[in-house]
Structures are given as C-alpha cells and as structure tokens.
Protein backbone atom coordinates (compact mmCIF):
# COMPACT_ATOMS: atom_id res chain seq x y z
CA MET A 1 -38.82 -66.03 -66.62
CA PRO A 2 -40.16 -62.58 -68.94
CA LYS A 3 -39.20 -62.54 -72.23
CA GLY A 4 -39.26 -58.86 -72.39
CA VAL A 5 -39.25 -55.73 -70.37
CA LEU A 6 -41.47 -52.59 -71.22
CA VAL A 7 -39.83 -49.89 -69.02
CA VAL A 8 -41.57 -46.92 -68.27
CA MET A 9 -40.45 -43.58 -65.86
CA THR A 10 -43.48 -41.66 -64.62
CA ASP A 11 -44.18 -38.50 -62.03
CA CYS A 12 -47.05 -37.01 -60.59
CA THR A 13 -47.34 -33.96 -61.78
CA GLU A 14 -49.28 -32.43 -58.62
CA PRO A 15 -47.26 -33.00 -55.65
CA GLY A 16 -50.00 -32.14 -53.34
CA ARG A 17 -51.97 -35.53 -54.92
CA GLU A 18 -49.01 -38.11 -54.62
CA ALA A 19 -50.39 -40.49 -52.10
CA GLU A 20 -53.66 -40.23 -54.72
CA PHE A 21 -51.51 -41.14 -57.77
CA ASN A 22 -49.81 -44.01 -55.56
CA GLU A 23 -53.51 -45.48 -54.35
CA TRP A 24 -54.36 -45.40 -58.09
CA TYR A 25 -51.71 -46.95 -59.52
CA ASP A 26 -51.41 -49.57 -57.31
CA LYS A 27 -54.88 -50.41 -56.27
CA VAL A 28 -56.62 -49.66 -60.05
CA HIS A 29 -54.03 -49.20 -62.73
CA VAL A 30 -51.63 -52.46 -61.81
CA PRO A 31 -54.41 -54.29 -61.54
CA ASP A 32 -56.00 -53.52 -64.59
CA VAL A 33 -52.88 -53.99 -66.23
CA LEU A 34 -52.25 -57.49 -65.04
CA GLU A 35 -55.59 -58.61 -66.94
CA VAL A 36 -54.00 -58.17 -70.08
CA PRO A 37 -52.98 -61.16 -71.64
CA GLY A 38 -48.93 -61.22 -72.23
CA ILE A 39 -48.30 -59.00 -69.15
CA ILE A 40 -47.29 -61.30 -66.65
CA GLY A 41 -45.62 -58.76 -64.07
CA VAL A 42 -45.16 -55.04 -62.52
CA THR A 43 -42.39 -53.99 -60.35
CA ARG A 44 -42.18 -50.56 -59.79
CA TYR A 45 -39.58 -48.33 -57.90
CA ARG A 46 -39.47 -44.60 -56.29
CA LEU A 47 -35.96 -42.73 -56.64
CA ALA A 48 -34.47 -42.06 -53.13
CA GLU A 49 -34.98 -38.94 -51.80
CA GLY A 50 -31.60 -36.81 -52.15
CA VAL A 51 -30.15 -38.70 -55.36
CA PRO A 52 -29.83 -36.17 -58.20
CA GLY A 53 -31.98 -37.12 -61.00
CA GLY A 54 -30.23 -35.29 -64.03
CA ASP A 55 -32.52 -33.72 -66.80
CA ASP A 56 -35.01 -36.14 -65.93
CA PRO A 57 -37.89 -34.94 -63.40
CA SER A 58 -39.40 -38.35 -63.36
CA ARG A 59 -39.33 -40.23 -60.07
CA PHE A 60 -40.92 -43.73 -60.48
CA LEU A 61 -39.53 -46.63 -62.85
CA ALA A 62 -42.14 -49.61 -63.41
CA LEU A 63 -41.08 -52.39 -65.07
CA TYR A 64 -43.93 -54.46 -67.01
CA GLU A 65 -43.06 -58.34 -67.54
CA LEU A 66 -44.00 -59.84 -70.78
CA ASP A 67 -44.58 -63.29 -71.18
CA ALA A 68 -43.64 -65.15 -74.97
CA THR A 69 -46.96 -64.70 -76.34
CA ALA A 70 -46.94 -61.11 -75.83
CA SER A 71 -47.05 -59.04 -79.26
CA ARG A 72 -47.42 -55.36 -80.24
CA SER A 73 -51.35 -55.95 -79.22
CA VAL A 74 -50.30 -55.74 -75.67
CA PHE A 75 -50.21 -52.86 -75.37
CA MET A 76 -53.05 -51.61 -77.49
CA THR A 77 -55.73 -54.44 -75.63
CA PRO A 78 -58.34 -52.73 -73.14
CA PRO A 79 -57.93 -54.70 -69.43
CA GLY A 80 -60.23 -57.51 -69.98
CA SER A 81 -60.09 -57.98 -73.71
CA SER A 82 -58.08 -60.65 -74.90
CA ALA A 83 -55.27 -59.04 -77.08
CA SER A 84 -56.39 -62.09 -80.27
CA SER A 85 -60.18 -61.29 -80.12
CA SER A 86 -59.22 -57.88 -82.19
C-alpha cells in the first residue's frame, strides 16, 4: 500500500501531437519514473470528452504512488540512479 501520492495534472499543449505525447508518456516517462527508488506505481487518467474542466485546461491526471522510503530526494533523482547515493 502506498504511503503517499503525488498528484500531477498535465495536458498536451499541441493537440495535433497528443498521440505522440501519450506514446512518450506511456513508453518512456512511466518506465523511467518507475526506476526511481521510492516510486512504486503510476496511474494516469484522462478527462472524459464533454466534461467541463472549469478554469484548469489540464486533461490528464497522474497519481504517482510513493512507498515509505520515498523522500524529497525522489523528486531530484535522475532515472536509473539511487536516491540514497547523492
């Protein structure tokens, strides 16, 4: 069970490149993030079409699950590096 959750809202700023953005996010970003010690899961959601978004233009919500060993260093650790080695 996660000990913490980082909530991130994003959007693709170039609508014509959304498929490319999603492919990068799913095939590059998520695997890289999951290599960082302390991050144990990522779940991503997309706002359904026709749902009013209010003033926030973000259409994607990502939940990054953090385990008990996660610390501030998780957010400053390059993929493939150990958070404790810095």
